[in-house]
C-alpha atoms as a PDB file:
ATOM      1  CA  MET A   1       4.416   0.787  -5.823  1.00  0.00           C
ATOM      2  CA  PRO A   2       4.105  -0.856  -2.381  1.00  0.00           C
ATOM      3  CA  GLU A   3       0.628  -2.335  -2.022  1.00  0.00           C
ATOM      4  CA  LEU A   4      -1.413  -3.331   1.024  1.00  0.00           C
ATOM      5  CA  PRO A   5       0.788  -6.261   2.213  1.00  0.00           C
ATOM      6  CA  GLU A   6       3.971  -4.208   1.933  1.00  0.00           C
ATOM      7  CA  VAL A   7       2.482  -1.208   3.740  1.00  0.00           C
ATOM      8  CA  GLU A   8       0.945  -3.470   6.402  1.00  0.00           C
ATOM      9  CA  THR A   9       4.370  -5.038   6.993  1.00  0.00           C
ATOM     10  CA  VAL A  10       5.921  -1.591   7.459  1.00  0.00           C
ATOM     11  CA  VAL A  11       3.107  -0.447   9.770  1.00  0.00           C
ATOM     12  CA  ALA A  12       3.455  -3.559  11.932  1.00  0.00           C
ATOM     13  CA  GLY A  13       7.162  -2.816  12.307  1.00  0.00           C
ATOM     14  CA  LEU A  14       6.464   0.820  13.173  1.00  0.00           C
ATOM     15  CA  ARG A  15       3.946  -0.143  15.848  1.00  0.00           C
ATOM     16  CA  ARG A  16       6.487  -2.397  17.536  1.00  0.00           C
ATOM     17  CA  VAL A  17       9.192   0.255  17.636  1.00  0.00           C
ATOM     18  CA  ILE A  18       8.062   3.872  17.502  1.00  0.00           C
ATOM     19  CA  VAL A  19       4.695   4.113  19.286  1.00  0.00           C
ATOM     20  CA  GLY A  20       5.280   6.105  22.466  1.00  0.00           C
ATOM     21  CA  GLN A  21       8.442   7.745  21.129  1.00  0.00           C
ATOM     22  CA  ARG A  22       8.872  11.527  21.179  1.00  0.00           C
ATOM     23  CA  ILE A  23       9.896  13.297  17.974  1.00  0.00           C
ATOM     24  CA  ALA A  24      12.825  15.355  19.238  1.00  0.00           C
ATOM     25  CA  ARG A  25      13.444  16.934  15.836  1.00  0.00           C
ATOM     26  CA  ALA A  26      11.543  16.820  12.534  1.00  0.00           C
ATOM     27  CA  ARG A  27      12.901  17.934   9.156  1.00  0.00           C
ATOM     28  CA  LEU A  28      11.546  18.098   5.612  1.00  0.00           C
ATOM     29  CA  LEU A  29      14.394  17.614   3.144  1.00  0.00           C
ATOM     30  CA  THR A  30      12.751  18.160  -0.264  1.00  0.00           C
ATOM     31  CA  ARG A  31      10.826  21.000  -1.870  1.00  0.00           C
ATOM     32  CA  GLN A  32       8.106  18.569  -2.923  1.00  0.00           C
ATOM     33  CA  LEU A  33       7.120  17.952   0.693  1.00  0.00           C
ATOM     34  CA  LYS A  34       7.632  21.547   1.761  1.00  0.00           C
ATOM     35  CA  ARG A  35       5.137  22.757  -0.827  1.00  0.00           C
ATOM     36  CA  VAL A  36       2.251  20.827   0.799  1.00  0.00           C
ATOM     37  CA  ASN A  37       3.193  21.457   4.443  1.00  0.00           C
ATOM     38  CA  PRO A  38       3.276  24.557   6.662  1.00  0.00           C
ATOM     39  CA  LYS A  39       6.494  26.568   6.832  1.00  0.00           C
ATOM     40  CA  ASN A  40       6.694  25.871  10.555  1.00  0.00           C
ATOM     41  CA  PHE A  41       6.460  22.087  10.006  1.00  0.00           C
ATOM     42  CA  SER A  42       9.511  21.317  12.137  1.00  0.00           C
ATOM     43  CA  GLU A  43       8.279  23.508  14.974  1.00  0.00           C
ATOM     44  CA  GLN A  44       4.805  21.953  14.853  1.00  0.00           C
ATOM     45  CA  VAL A  45       6.012  18.341  14.820  1.00  0.00           C
ATOM     46  CA  SER A  46       9.083  18.498  17.041  1.00  0.00           C
ATOM     47  CA  GLY A  47       8.231  17.586  20.626  1.00  0.00           C
ATOM     48  CA  LYS A  48       5.134  15.593  19.701  1.00  0.00           C
ATOM     49  CA  THR A  49       4.695  11.976  20.845  1.00  0.00           C
ATOM     50  CA  ILE A  50       3.680   9.238  18.400  1.00  0.00           C
ATOM     51  CA  ARG A  51       0.445   7.849  19.867  1.00  0.00           C
ATOM     52  CA  ALA A  52      -0.484   5.303  17.166  1.00  0.00           C
ATOM     53  CA  VAL A  53       0.279   4.179  13.622  1.00  0.00           C
ATOM     54  CA  GLN A  54      -2.627   3.172  11.392  1.00  0.00           C
ATOM     55  CA  ARG A  55      -3.079   2.090   7.780  1.00  0.00           C
ATOM     56  CA  LYS A  56      -5.875   2.449   5.262  1.00  0.00           C
ATOM     57  CA  GLY A  57      -5.293   1.028   1.812  1.00  0.00           C
ATOM     58  CA  LYS A  58      -1.745   2.008   0.875  1.00  0.00           C
ATOM     59  CA  GLN A  59      -1.703   5.059   3.162  1.00  0.00           C
ATOM     60  CA  ILE A  60      -0.076   5.393   6.602  1.00  0.00           C
ATOM     61  CA  ILE A  61      -1.481   7.624   9.346  1.00  0.00           C
ATOM     62  CA  PHE A  62       0.703   8.622  12.303  1.00  0.00           C
ATOM     63  CA  GLU A  63      -1.387   9.880  15.216  1.00  0.00           C
ATOM     64  CA  LEU A  64       0.604  12.448  17.190  1.00  0.00           C
ATOM     65  CA  SER A  65      -0.070  14.088  20.532  1.00  0.00           C
ATOM     66  CA  ASP A  66      -2.052  17.343  20.718  1.00  0.00           C
ATOM     67  CA  GLY A  67      -4.411  16.285  17.922  1.00  0.00           C
ATOM     68  CA  TRP A  68      -1.987  16.211  14.993  1.00  0.00           C
ATOM     69  CA  ILE A  69      -1.787  13.679  12.141  1.00  0.00           C
ATOM     70  CA  LEU A  70       1.093  12.854   9.818  1.00  0.00           C
ATOM     71  CA  TRP A  71      -0.282  11.309   6.617  1.00  0.00           C
ATOM     72  CA  LEU A  72       2.118   9.405   4.363  1.00  0.00           C
ATOM     73  CA  HIS A  73       1.899   7.706   0.962  1.00  0.00           C
ATOM     74  CA  PHE A  74       4.892   5.844  -0.483  1.00  0.00           C
ATOM     75  CA  ARG A  75       3.715   6.141  -4.094  1.00  0.00           C
ATOM     76  CA  MET A  76       6.292   4.513  -6.425  1.00  0.00           C
ATOM     77  CA  THR A  77       9.596   4.293  -4.524  1.00  0.00           C
ATOM     78  CA  GLY A  78       8.992   5.520  -0.977  1.00  0.00           C
ATOM     79  CA  LYS A  79      10.429   3.657   2.012  1.00  0.00           C
ATOM     80  CA  LEU A  80      10.746   4.187   5.747  1.00  0.00           C
ATOM     81  CA  TRP A  81      14.012   3.268   7.411  1.00  0.00           C
ATOM     82  CA  LEU A  82      15.054   3.349  11.046  1.00  0.00           C
ATOM     83  CA  LEU A  83      18.666   4.542  11.247  1.00  0.00           C
ATOM     84  CA  GLY A  84      21.151   5.623  13.877  1.00  0.00           C
ATOM     85  CA  LEU A  85      21.254   9.349  14.624  1.00  0.00           C
ATOM     86  CA  ASP A  86      24.799   9.599  13.300  1.00  0.00           C
ATOM     87  CA  GLU A  87      24.182   7.697  10.071  1.00  0.00           C
ATOM     88  CA  PRO A  88      24.578  10.006   7.046  1.00  0.00           C
ATOM     89  CA  GLU A  89      21.540  11.035   5.026  1.00  0.00           C
ATOM     90  CA  THR A  90      21.378  10.645   1.248  1.00  0.00           C
ATOM     91  CA  LYS A  91      20.162  12.895  -1.543  1.00  0.00           C
ATOM     92  CA  PHE A  92      17.064  10.707  -1.797  1.00  0.00           C
ATOM     93  CA  ASP A  93      15.987  11.202   1.827  1.00  0.00           C
ATOM     94  CA  ALA A  94      12.781  13.259   1.893  1.00  0.00           C
ATOM     95  CA  ALA A  95      12.199  13.685   5.642  1.00  0.00           C
ATOM     96  CA  ALA A  96      13.810  12.704   8.934  1.00  0.00           C
ATOM     97  CA  PHE A  97      12.407  12.372  12.457  1.00  0.00           C
ATOM     98  CA  GLU A  98      14.749  11.963  15.428  1.00  0.00           C
ATOM     99  CA  LEU A  99      13.167   9.767  18.091  1.00  0.00           C
ATOM    100  CA  GLN A 100      13.793   9.791  21.824  1.00  0.00           C
ATOM    101  CA  PRO A 101      14.452   7.897  24.023  1.00  0.00           C
ATOM    102  CA  LEU A 102      15.043   5.392  21.191  1.00  0.00           C
ATOM    103  CA  GLY A 103      18.056   7.328  19.958  1.00  0.00           C
ATOM    104  CA  LYS A 104      17.318   6.639  16.284  1.00  0.00           C
ATOM    105  CA  LYS A 105      15.829   8.534  13.362  1.00  0.00           C
ATOM    106  CA  LEU A 106      12.949   7.519  11.120  1.00  0.00           C
ATOM    107  CA  VAL A 107      13.850   8.454   7.552  1.00  0.00           C
ATOM    108  CA  PHE A 108      11.441   8.747   4.626  1.00  0.00           C
ATOM    109  CA  TYR A 109      13.490   7.726   1.583  1.00  0.00           C
ATOM    110  CA  ASP A 110      12.033   8.386  -1.864  1.00  0.00           C
ATOM    111  CA  GLN A 111      14.273   8.025  -4.905  1.00  0.00           C
ATOM    112  CA  ARG A 112      11.762   9.215  -7.511  1.00  0.00           C
ATOM    113  CA  ARG A 113      10.219  11.948  -5.338  1.00  0.00           C
ATOM    114  CA  PHE A 114       6.614  10.896  -5.918  1.00  0.00           C
ATOM    115  CA  GLY A 115       5.898  10.157  -2.244  1.00  0.00           C
ATOM    116  CA  ARG A 116       3.730  12.405  -0.115  1.00  0.00           C
ATOM    117  CA  LEU A 117       3.842  13.450   3.535  1.00  0.00           C
ATOM    118  CA  LYS A 118       1.385  15.944   4.966  1.00  0.00           C
ATOM    119  CA  LEU A 119       0.745  17.398   8.413  1.00  0.00           C
ATOM    120  CA  LEU A 120      -2.923  17.751   9.353  1.00  0.00           C
ATOM    121  CA  ARG A 121      -5.083  18.407  12.340  1.00  0.00           C
ATOM    122  CA  LYS A 122      -6.978  15.258  13.306  1.00  0.00           C
ATOM    123  CA  GLU A 123     -10.335  16.796  12.435  1.00  0.00           C
ATOM    124  CA  GLU A 124      -9.047  17.648   8.930  1.00  0.00           C
ATOM    125  CA  LEU A 125      -8.179  14.073   7.957  1.00  0.00           C
ATOM    126  CA  GLY A 126     -11.715  13.137   6.931  1.00  0.00           C
ATOM    127  CA  ARG A 127     -11.820  16.144   4.587  1.00  0.00           C
ATOM    128  CA  PHE A 128      -8.369  15.537   3.121  1.00  0.00           C
ATOM    129  CA  LYS A 129      -9.097  14.527  -0.479  1.00  0.00           C
ATOM    130  CA  GLU A 130      -6.509  11.759  -0.872  1.00  0.00           C
ATOM    131  CA  TYR A 131      -7.733  10.052   2.297  1.00  0.00           C
ATOM    132  CA  ALA A 132     -11.440  10.836   2.069  1.00  0.00           C
ATOM    133  CA  ARG A 133     -11.769   9.369  -1.442  1.00  0.00           C
ATOM    134  CA  LEU A 134     -10.637   5.900  -0.355  1.00  0.00           C
ATOM    135  CA  GLY A 135     -13.052   3.025  -0.498  1.00  0.00           C
ATOM    136  CA  PRO A 136     -13.100   0.498   2.354  1.00  0.00           C
ATOM    137  CA  ASP A 137      -9.823  -1.261   3.058  1.00  0.00           C
ATOM    138  CA  ALA A 138      -9.466  -4.654   1.370  1.00  0.00           C
ATOM    139  CA  LEU A 139      -8.858  -6.318   4.756  1.00  0.00           C
ATOM    140  CA  GLU A 140     -11.728  -4.499   6.477  1.00  0.00           C
ATOM    141  CA  VAL A 141     -14.520  -4.654   3.892  1.00  0.00           C
ATOM    142  CA  SER A 142     -17.218  -7.258   4.450  1.00  0.00           C
ATOM    143  CA  ALA A 143     -18.116  -9.818   1.801  1.00  0.00           C
ATOM    144  CA  ASN A 144     -21.516  -8.187   1.260  1.00  0.00           C
ATOM    145  CA  GLU A 145     -20.135  -4.664   0.867  1.00  0.00           C
ATOM    146  CA  PHE A 146     -17.382  -5.928  -1.436  1.00  0.00           C
ATOM    147  CA  ALA A 147     -19.986  -7.552  -3.697  1.00  0.00           C
ATOM    148  CA  GLU A 148     -22.241  -4.497  -3.625  1.00  0.00           C
ATOM    149  CA  ARG A 149     -19.451  -2.082  -4.532  1.00  0.00           C
ATOM    150  CA  LEU A 150     -18.328  -4.201  -7.502  1.00  0.00           C
ATOM    151  CA  LYS A 151     -21.853  -5.022  -8.619  1.00  0.00           C
ATOM    152  CA  LYS A 152     -22.966  -1.395  -8.925  1.00  0.00           C
ATOM    153  CA  ARG A 153     -20.058  -0.429 -11.193  1.00  0.00           C
ATOM    154  CA  LYS A 154     -20.108  -1.275 -14.899  1.00  0.00           C
ATOM    155  CA  ARG A 155     -16.372  -1.775 -15.175  1.00  0.00           C
ATOM    156  CA  MET A 156     -13.904  -4.461 -16.184  1.00  0.00           C
ATOM    157  CA  LEU A 157     -12.683  -6.305 -13.107  1.00  0.00           C
ATOM    158  CA  LYS A 158      -8.947  -5.594 -13.181  1.00  0.00           C
ATOM    159  CA  PRO A 159      -9.191  -1.788 -13.610  1.00  0.00           C
ATOM    160  CA  LEU A 160     -11.955  -1.708 -11.010  1.00  0.00           C
ATOM    161  CA  LEU A 161      -9.870  -3.566  -8.435  1.00  0.00           C
ATOM    162  CA  LEU A 162      -7.130  -0.977  -8.940  1.00  0.00           C
ATOM    163  CA  GLU A 163      -9.575   1.879  -8.375  1.00  0.00           C
ATOM    164  CA  GLN A 164      -8.908   2.967  -4.786  1.00  0.00           C
ATOM    165  CA  THR A 165     -12.329   4.595  -4.454  1.00  0.00           C
ATOM    166  CA  ALA A 166     -13.926   1.167  -4.857  1.00  0.00           C
ATOM    167  CA  ILE A 167     -11.717  -0.987  -2.632  1.00  0.00           C
ATOM    168  CA  SER A 168      -8.473   0.415  -1.233  1.00  0.00           C
ATOM    169  CA  GLY A 169      -5.150  -1.375  -0.989  1.00  0.00           C
ATOM    170  CA  LEU A 170      -4.936  -3.516  -4.111  1.00  0.00           C
ATOM    171  CA  GLY A 171      -2.451  -2.831  -6.893  1.00  0.00           C
ATOM    172  CA  ASN A 172      -1.199  -4.697  -9.932  1.00  0.00           C
ATOM    173  CA  ILE A 173       0.364  -7.618  -8.080  1.00  0.00           C
ATOM    174  CA  TYR A 174      -2.479  -8.601  -5.797  1.00  0.00           C
ATOM    175  CA  ALA A 175      -5.249  -7.854  -8.279  1.00  0.00           C
ATOM    176  CA  ASP A 176      -3.627 -10.257 -10.777  1.00  0.00           C
ATOM    177  CA  GLU A 177      -3.010 -12.913  -8.146  1.00  0.00           C
ATOM    178  CA  SER A 178      -6.513 -12.633  -6.674  1.00  0.00           C
ATOM    179  CA  LEU A 179      -8.197 -12.907 -10.064  1.00  0.00           C
ATOM    180  CA  PHE A 180      -6.111 -15.964 -10.917  1.00  0.00           C
ATOM    181  CA  LEU A 181      -7.000 -17.726  -7.670  1.00  0.00           C
ATOM    182  CA  ALA A 182     -10.674 -16.880  -8.235  1.00  0.00           C
ATOM    183  CA  LYS A 183     -10.479 -18.145 -11.864  1.00  0.00           C
ATOM    184  CA  LEU A 184     -11.923 -14.889 -13.187  1.00  0.00           C
ATOM    185  CA  HIS A 185     -10.857 -13.134 -16.389  1.00  0.00           C
ATOM    186  CA  PRO A 186      -9.475  -9.631 -15.739  1.00  0.00           C
ATOM    187  CA  ALA A 187     -11.735  -8.189 -18.463  1.00  0.00           C
ATOM    188  CA  ALA A 188     -14.936  -9.683 -17.020  1.00  0.00           C
ATOM    189  CA  THR A 189     -17.590  -7.028 -16.386  1.00  0.00           C
ATOM    190  CA  SER A 190     -18.175  -6.480 -12.677  1.00  0.00           C
ATOM    191  CA  PHE A 191     -21.968  -5.955 -12.647  1.00  0.00           C
ATOM    192  CA  ARG A 192     -22.559  -9.173 -14.578  1.00  0.00           C
ATOM    193  CA  LEU A 193     -20.804 -11.394 -12.054  1.00  0.00           C
ATOM    194  CA  SER A 194     -22.907 -13.850 -10.090  1.00  0.00           C
ATOM    195  CA  LYS A 195     -23.008 -13.865  -6.299  1.00  0.00           C
ATOM    196  CA  GLU A 196     -20.956 -17.057  -6.344  1.00  0.00           C
ATOM    197  CA  LYS A 197     -18.190 -15.481  -8.448  1.00  0.00           C
ATOM    198  CA  LEU A 198     -18.115 -12.323  -6.347  1.00  0.00           C
ATOM    199  CA  SER A 199     -17.900 -14.442  -3.206  1.00  0.00           C
ATOM    200  CA  ARG A 200     -15.077 -16.444  -4.765  1.00  0.00           C
ATOM    201  CA  LEU A 201     -13.178 -13.279  -5.663  1.00  0.00           C
ATOM    202  CA  TYR A 202     -13.595 -11.882  -2.158  1.00  0.00           C
ATOM    203  CA  ALA A 203     -12.290 -15.080  -0.560  1.00  0.00           C
ATOM    204  CA  SER A 204      -9.387 -15.244  -3.032  1.00  0.00           C
ATOM    205  CA  MET A 205      -8.422 -11.632  -2.379  1.00  0.00           C
ATOM    206  CA  ARG A 206      -8.395 -12.184   1.381  1.00  0.00           C
ATOM    207  CA  LYS A 207      -6.367 -15.374   1.042  1.00  0.00           C
ATOM    208  CA  VAL A 208      -3.761 -13.812  -1.249  1.00  0.00           C
ATOM    209  CA  LEU A 209      -3.366 -10.744   0.970  1.00  0.00           C
ATOM    210  CA  ALA A 210      -3.034 -12.837   4.127  1.00  0.00           C
ATOM    211  CA  ARG A 211      -0.359 -15.033   2.561  1.00  0.00           C
ATOM    212  CA  ALA A 212       1.512 -12.004   1.252  1.00  0.00           C
ATOM    213  CA  ILE A 213       1.495 -10.321   4.664  1.00  0.00           C
ATOM    214  CA  ARG A 214       2.888 -13.471   6.274  1.00  0.00           C
ATOM    215  CA  ALA A 215       5.683 -13.405   3.674  1.00  0.00           C
ATOM    216  CA  GLY A 216       6.481  -9.748   4.375  1.00  0.00           C
ATOM    217  CA  GLY A 217       5.140  -8.582   1.017  1.00  0.00           C
ATOM    218  CA  SER A 218       6.696  -8.797  -2.444  1.00  0.00           C
ATOM    219  CA  SER A 219      10.139  -7.303  -3.076  1.00  0.00           C
ATOM    220  CA  ILE A 220      10.394  -6.895  -6.826  1.00  0.00           C
ATOM    221  CA  ARG A 221      12.186  -3.563  -7.206  1.00  0.00           C
ATOM    222  CA  ASP A 222      12.433  -1.036  -4.394  1.00  0.00           C
ATOM    223  CA  TYR A 223      10.393  -2.341  -1.490  1.00  0.00           C
ATOM    224  CA  SER A 224      11.935  -3.371   1.816  1.00  0.00           C
ATOM    225  CA  ALA A 225      10.600  -3.439   5.380  1.00  0.00           C
ATOM    226  CA  LEU A 226      11.482  -0.996   8.148  1.00  0.00           C
ATOM    227  CA  ASP A 227      14.610  -2.944   9.061  1.00  0.00           C
ATOM    228  CA  GLY A 228      15.715  -3.290   5.444  1.00  0.00           C
ATOM    229  CA  ARG A 229      14.581  -6.895   5.052  1.00  0.00           C
ATOM    230  CA  ARG A 230      12.970  -7.806   1.749  1.00  0.00           C
ATOM    231  CA  GLY A 231       9.687  -9.663   1.382  1.00  0.00           C
ATOM    232  CA  TYR A 232       9.559 -13.040  -0.318  1.00  0.00           C
ATOM    233  CA  PHE A 233       5.980 -13.428  -1.556  1.00  0.00           C
ATOM    234  CA  GLN A 234       7.276 -12.873  -5.106  1.00  0.00           C
ATOM    235  CA  ILE A 235       8.440 -16.492  -5.131  1.00  0.00           C
ATOM    236  CA  GLU A 236       4.778 -17.521  -4.712  1.00  0.00           C
ATOM    237  CA  HIS A 237       3.419 -15.406  -7.576  1.00  0.00           C
ATOM    238  CA  LYS A 238       1.353 -17.564  -9.904  1.00  0.00           C
ATOM    239  CA  VAL A 239       0.851 -15.115 -12.796  1.00  0.00           C
ATOM    240  CA  TYR A 240       2.285 -11.678 -12.017  1.00  0.00           C
ATOM    241  CA  GLN A 241       5.291 -10.971 -14.281  1.00  0.00           C
ATOM    242  CA  ARG A 242       5.322 -14.605 -15.440  1.00  0.00           C
ATOM    243  CA  THR A 243       4.529 -13.900 -19.096  1.00  0.00           C
ATOM    244  CA  GLY A 244       5.134 -16.956 -21.284  1.00  0.00           C
ATOM    245  CA  LEU A 245       5.819 -19.274 -18.362  1.00  0.00           C
ATOM    246  CA  PRO A 246       3.596 -22.299 -17.680  1.00  0.00           C
ATOM    247  CA  CYS A 247       0.516 -21.866 -15.532  1.00  0.00           C
ATOM    248  CA  PRO A 248       1.048 -23.736 -12.245  1.00  0.00           C
ATOM    249  CA  VAL A 249      -2.452 -25.230 -12.549  1.00  0.00           C
ATOM    250  CA  CYS A 250      -2.995 -26.174 -16.204  1.00  0.00           C
ATOM    251  CA  GLY A 251       0.438 -25.784 -17.795  1.00  0.00           C
ATOM    252  CA  GLY A 252      -0.750 -23.267 -20.386  1.00  0.00           C
ATOM    253  CA  LYS A 253       1.256 -20.110 -21.047  1.00  0.00           C
ATOM    254  CA  ILE A 254       0.700 -17.065 -18.880  1.00  0.00           C
ATOM    255  CA  ARG A 255      -0.360 -14.109 -21.005  1.00  0.00           C
ATOM    256  CA  ARG A 256       0.243 -10.384 -20.563  1.00  0.00           C
ATOM    257  CA  ILE A 257      -2.158  -7.711 -21.805  1.00  0.00           C
ATOM    258  CA  VAL A 258      -2.462  -3.986 -21.089  1.00  0.00           C
ATOM    259  CA  MET A 259      -5.611  -2.697 -19.399  1.00  0.00           C
ATOM    260  CA  GLY A 260      -5.946   0.941 -18.501  1.00  0.00           C
ATOM    261  CA  GLN A 261      -2.246   1.443 -19.262  1.00  0.00           C
ATOM    262  CA  ARG A 262      -1.344  -1.209 -16.698  1.00  0.00           C
ATOM    263  CA  SER A 263       0.186  -4.623 -17.317  1.00  0.00           C
ATOM    264  CA  THR A 264      -2.165  -7.505 -16.546  1.00  0.00           C
ATOM    265  CA  HIS A 265      -1.095 -11.140 -16.239  1.00  0.00           C
ATOM    266  CA  PHE A 266      -3.472 -14.108 -16.414  1.00  0.00           C
ATOM    267  CA  CYS A 267      -3.940 -17.678 -17.642  1.00  0.00           C
ATOM    268  CA  PRO A 268      -6.324 -17.797 -20.652  1.00  0.00           C
ATOM    269  CA  ARG A 269      -7.223 -21.413 -19.871  1.00  0.00           C
ATOM    270  CA  CYS A 270      -7.960 -21.065 -16.154  1.00  0.00           C
ATOM    271  CA  GLN A 271      -9.464 -17.571 -16.389  1.00  0.00           C
ATOM    272  CA  LYS A 272     -11.922 -17.842 -19.236  1.00  0.00           C
ATOM    273  CA  ARG A 273     -14.008 -14.804 -20.047  1.00  0.00           C
END
């Protein structure tokens, strides 16, 4: 699933290209999306201008004219591509938006059909469950709030970092990498961490995310940017999916365990419990 750096890379590309464009024609191409949107979706969206593109956690918010919002979540395999109007669509395309005067179409591609796209009035966004439940964005949260939110939960660190109601945006990759940089065991209990360790984790998380954004994210399976380019932060991964390989710091073997049904990678020497 694309995480914060991947979604941020896509949003940055969208801001450069589509803000100010008019949606000449909008189409939903799968039943999954039609079930959660009004029957007159195309009529409601067509003719609207894209005023802004925002991100919170892993979610994308398109602000349209006349007080409308398009909310999007990639989930496992979603992508956004900018294609020519005459380029053929595929069976995995979930929605298409023809943009003028750009003369291109923005296509929501989703091979596994887990992605979500929903049309809302602007005043409804704060009550929309999937958006309203999000904790503060990992790039927006302050050090104090980050520490407070982790300290008040009696949870193991790795599953807690993946919990979007606590801090939004992190997934498997960047939780593993942040914990490694902070030298914290993924099974450490959050409320028992000292202020110094919480501060270290916050700084490590911010550093890892910033580096990943500069690299255009991590392209491991499906992810690519708006123009089709793949990220390259995966070549900088220290522990994620490096089971059995030497730790870049101590030389010990990277270990993989399962926590909350999710793979977790860490160095037992550097990240002692």
